[in-house]
């Protein structure tokens, strides 16, 4: 007999002497209650998502942007030049006969889009 057979015989002998342990009558109920309570703790302890910019702020930004956009669409380049604001002209905008205010409104839209895409990518990483 080799070493493994001796160990196996010893184990069989110990199992016959000791017998198998039986779980208590309500073992399954206690285990299920423990699992459910742990799941409840995890659910309540989890961090809920809160938007970095609220819906109200987005609505206000959208209204401001849309008002700039509407104003820039319905004014000509000559009307903008009479405004007390000094808005520098962009050369390529003059080629397409687009008012500078429209150009800046569009630029603002792209900046907002860039900010929102950065925030969404950060949200999806969590």
C-alpha atoms as a PDB file:
ATOM      1  CA  UNK A   1       0.000   0.000   0.000  1.00  0.00           C
ATOM      2  CA  UNK A   2       1.269   3.329  -0.843  1.00  0.00           C
ATOM      3  CA  UNK A   3       0.857   6.560   1.090  1.00  0.00           C
ATOM      4  CA  UNK A   4      -2.310   7.695  -0.725  1.00  0.00           C
ATOM      5  CA  UNK A   5      -4.137   4.449  -0.002  1.00  0.00           C
ATOM      6  CA  UNK A   6      -3.264   4.723   3.692  1.00  0.00           C
ATOM      7  CA  UNK A   7      -4.596   8.260   3.838  1.00  0.00           C
ATOM      8  CA  UNK A   8      -7.770   7.252   2.046  1.00  0.00           C
ATOM      9  CA  UNK A   9      -8.399   4.331   4.409  1.00  0.00           C
ATOM     10  CA  UNK A  10      -7.813   6.591   7.386  1.00  0.00           C
ATOM     11  CA  UNK A  11     -10.297   9.127   6.049  1.00  0.00           C
ATOM     12  CA  UNK A  12     -12.964   6.486   5.426  1.00  0.00           C
ATOM     13  CA  UNK A  13     -12.492   5.135   8.949  1.00  0.00           C
ATOM     14  CA  UNK A  14     -12.820   8.648  10.468  1.00  0.00           C
ATOM     15  CA  UNK A  15     -15.969   9.379   8.456  1.00  0.00           C
ATOM     16  CA  UNK A  16     -17.584   6.127   9.630  1.00  0.00           C
ATOM     17  CA  UNK A  17     -16.695   6.891  13.257  1.00  0.00           C
ATOM     18  CA  UNK A  18     -17.749  10.506  13.277  1.00  0.00           C
ATOM     19  CA  UNK A  19     -20.634  10.360  10.858  1.00  0.00           C
ATOM     20  CA  UNK A  20     -21.800  13.220   8.667  1.00  0.00           C
ATOM     21  CA  UNK A  21     -22.972  16.430  10.291  1.00  0.00           C
ATOM     22  CA  UNK A  22     -26.547  17.414   9.628  1.00  0.00           C
ATOM     23  CA  UNK A  23     -27.476  21.089   9.360  1.00  0.00           C
ATOM     24  CA  UNK A  24     -30.042  22.474  11.741  1.00  0.00           C
ATOM     25  CA  UNK A  25     -33.721  22.335  10.835  1.00  0.00           C
ATOM     26  CA  UNK A  26     -33.996  26.017   9.846  1.00  0.00           C
ATOM     27  CA  UNK A  27     -30.558  26.291   8.203  1.00  0.00           C
ATOM     28  CA  UNK A  28     -31.946  27.113   4.744  1.00  0.00           C
ATOM     29  CA  UNK A  29     -34.303  29.789   6.144  1.00  0.00           C
ATOM     30  CA  UNK A  30     -31.519  31.452   8.131  1.00  0.00           C
ATOM     31  CA  UNK A  31     -29.212  31.396   5.127  1.00  0.00           C
ATOM     32  CA  UNK A  32     -31.830  32.928   2.813  1.00  0.00           C
ATOM     33  CA  UNK A  33     -32.640  35.668   5.340  1.00  0.00           C
ATOM     34  CA  UNK A  34     -28.948  36.474   5.683  1.00  0.00           C
ATOM     35  CA  UNK A  35     -28.522  36.700   1.900  1.00  0.00           C
ATOM     36  CA  UNK A  36     -31.593  38.909   1.551  1.00  0.00           C
ATOM     37  CA  UNK A  37     -30.424  41.254   4.308  1.00  0.00           C
ATOM     38  CA  UNK A  38     -26.984  41.570   2.679  1.00  0.00           C
ATOM     39  CA  UNK A  39     -28.629  42.307  -0.665  1.00  0.00           C
ATOM     40  CA  UNK A  40     -30.796  44.976   0.974  1.00  0.00           C
ATOM     41  CA  UNK A  41     -27.760  46.587   2.592  1.00  0.00           C
ATOM     42  CA  UNK A  42     -25.913  46.623  -0.736  1.00  0.00           C
ATOM     43  CA  UNK A  43     -28.926  48.106  -2.510  1.00  0.00           C
ATOM     44  CA  UNK A  44     -29.376  50.922   0.014  1.00  0.00           C
ATOM     45  CA  UNK A  45     -25.644  51.568   0.292  1.00  0.00           C
ATOM     46  CA  UNK A  46     -25.115  51.867  -3.440  1.00  0.00           C
ATOM     47  CA  UNK A  47     -24.399  55.328  -4.773  1.00  0.00           C
ATOM     48  CA  UNK A  48     -27.190  56.791  -6.823  1.00  0.00           C
ATOM     49  CA  UNK A  49     -26.328  58.870  -9.862  1.00  0.00           C
ATOM     50  CA  UNK A  50     -26.791  62.603  -9.563  1.00  0.00           C
ATOM     51  CA  UNK A  51     -26.332  64.665 -12.693  1.00  0.00           C
ATOM     52  CA  UNK A  52     -23.527  67.222 -12.446  1.00  0.00           C
ATOM     53  CA  UNK A  53     -25.688  69.739 -14.308  1.00  0.00           C
ATOM     54  CA  UNK A  54     -29.368  69.705 -13.408  1.00  0.00           C
ATOM     55  CA  UNK A  55     -32.205  69.731 -15.922  1.00  0.00           C
ATOM     56  CA  UNK A  56     -33.122  73.282 -14.981  1.00  0.00           C
ATOM     57  CA  UNK A  57     -29.641  74.534 -15.813  1.00  0.00           C
ATOM     58  CA  UNK A  58     -29.729  72.698 -19.151  1.00  0.00           C
ATOM     59  CA  UNK A  59     -33.081  74.308 -19.945  1.00  0.00           C
ATOM     60  CA  UNK A  60     -31.749  77.779 -19.148  1.00  0.00           C
ATOM     61  CA  UNK A  61     -28.629  77.147 -21.256  1.00  0.00           C
ATOM     62  CA  UNK A  62     -30.775  75.854 -24.122  1.00  0.00           C
ATOM     63  CA  UNK A  63     -33.000  78.944 -23.954  1.00  0.00           C
ATOM     64  CA  UNK A  64     -30.011  81.285 -23.969  1.00  0.00           C
ATOM     65  CA  UNK A  65     -28.408  79.410 -26.833  1.00  0.00           C
ATOM     66  CA  UNK A  66     -31.606  79.273 -28.864  1.00  0.00           C
ATOM     67  CA  UNK A  67     -32.197  82.997 -28.354  1.00  0.00           C
ATOM     68  CA  UNK A  68     -28.669  83.741 -29.623  1.00  0.00           C
ATOM     69  CA  UNK A  69     -29.228  81.386 -32.514  1.00  0.00           C
ATOM     70  CA  UNK A  70     -32.571  82.929 -33.474  1.00  0.00           C
ATOM     71  CA  UNK A  71     -31.153  86.431 -33.210  1.00  0.00           C
ATOM     72  CA  UNK A  72     -28.172  85.512 -35.345  1.00  0.00           C
ATOM     73  CA  UNK A  73     -30.352  83.899 -38.008  1.00  0.00           C
ATOM     74  CA  UNK A  74     -32.655  86.903 -38.347  1.00  0.00           C
ATOM     75  CA  UNK A  75     -30.004  89.623 -38.377  1.00  0.00           C
ATOM     76  CA  UNK A  76     -27.614  90.524 -41.131  1.00  0.00           C
ATOM     77  CA  UNK A  77     -23.940  91.254 -40.802  1.00  0.00           C
ATOM     78  CA  UNK A  78     -24.650  95.003 -41.130  1.00  0.00           C
ATOM     79  CA  UNK A  79     -27.084  94.921 -38.175  1.00  0.00           C
ATOM     80  CA  UNK A  80     -24.496  93.262 -35.993  1.00  0.00           C
ATOM     81  CA  UNK A  81     -21.902  95.917 -36.832  1.00  0.00           C
ATOM     82  CA  UNK A  82     -24.210  98.598 -35.386  1.00  0.00           C
ATOM     83  CA  UNK A  83     -24.339  96.851 -32.012  1.00  0.00           C
ATOM     84  CA  UNK A  84     -22.312  98.453 -29.200  1.00  0.00           C
ATOM     85  CA  UNK A  85     -20.469  95.134 -28.760  1.00  0.00           C
ATOM     86  CA  UNK A  86     -17.148  94.671 -30.501  1.00  0.00           C
ATOM     87  CA  UNK A  87     -17.402  91.226 -32.097  1.00  0.00           C
ATOM     88  CA  UNK A  88     -14.378  90.446 -34.247  1.00  0.00           C
ATOM     89  CA  UNK A  89     -15.082  89.010 -37.648  1.00  0.00           C
ATOM     90  CA  UNK A  90     -13.831  85.617 -38.712  1.00  0.00           C
ATOM     91  CA  UNK A  91     -12.569  85.582 -42.298  1.00  0.00           C
ATOM     92  CA  UNK A  92     -14.189  82.338 -43.389  1.00  0.00           C
ATOM     93  CA  UNK A  93     -17.547  83.519 -42.050  1.00  0.00           C
ATOM     94  CA  UNK A  94     -17.385  86.563 -44.337  1.00  0.00           C
ATOM     95  CA  UNK A  95     -16.802  84.289 -47.320  1.00  0.00           C
ATOM     96  CA  UNK A  96     -20.028  82.390 -46.610  1.00  0.00           C
ATOM     97  CA  UNK A  97     -21.917  85.606 -45.719  1.00  0.00           C
ATOM     98  CA  UNK A  98     -22.711  84.358 -42.228  1.00  0.00           C
ATOM     99  CA  UNK A  99     -23.114  86.827 -39.419  1.00  0.00           C
ATOM    100  CA  UNK A 100     -20.440  86.743 -36.714  1.00  0.00           C
ATOM    101  CA  UNK A 101     -23.105  86.224 -34.062  1.00  0.00           C
ATOM    102  CA  UNK A 102     -24.205  83.022 -35.777  1.00  0.00           C
ATOM    103  CA  UNK A 103     -20.593  81.882 -35.866  1.00  0.00           C
ATOM    104  CA  UNK A 104     -20.173  82.462 -32.157  1.00  0.00           C
ATOM    105  CA  UNK A 105     -23.532  80.855 -31.380  1.00  0.00           C
ATOM    106  CA  UNK A 106     -22.492  77.798 -33.322  1.00  0.00           C
ATOM    107  CA  UNK A 107     -19.143  77.785 -31.512  1.00  0.00           C
ATOM    108  CA  UNK A 108     -20.960  77.966 -28.176  1.00  0.00           C
ATOM    109  CA  UNK A 109     -23.105  75.012 -29.216  1.00  0.00           C
ATOM    110  CA  UNK A 110     -20.017  72.986 -30.055  1.00  0.00           C
ATOM    111  CA  UNK A 111     -18.417  73.885 -26.712  1.00  0.00           C
ATOM    112  CA  UNK A 112     -21.562  72.783 -24.855  1.00  0.00           C
ATOM    113  CA  UNK A 113     -21.638  69.574 -26.861  1.00  0.00           C
ATOM    114  CA  UNK A 114     -18.006  68.923 -26.004  1.00  0.00           C
ATOM    115  CA  UNK A 115     -18.651  69.527 -22.299  1.00  0.00           C
ATOM    116  CA  UNK A 116     -21.688  67.251 -22.275  1.00  0.00           C
ATOM    117  CA  UNK A 117     -19.828  64.480 -24.117  1.00  0.00           C
ATOM    118  CA  UNK A 118     -16.972  64.688 -21.593  1.00  0.00           C
ATOM    119  CA  UNK A 119     -19.446  64.486 -18.720  1.00  0.00           C
ATOM    120  CA  UNK A 120     -21.241  61.526 -20.304  1.00  0.00           C
ATOM    121  CA  UNK A 121     -17.970  59.678 -20.858  1.00  0.00           C
ATOM    122  CA  UNK A 122     -17.049  60.211 -17.206  1.00  0.00           C
ATOM    123  CA  UNK A 123     -20.461  58.959 -16.126  1.00  0.00           C
ATOM    124  CA  UNK A 124     -20.146  55.786 -18.179  1.00  0.00           C
ATOM    125  CA  UNK A 125     -16.747  54.935 -16.678  1.00  0.00           C
ATOM    126  CA  UNK A 126     -18.240  54.548 -13.188  1.00  0.00           C
END
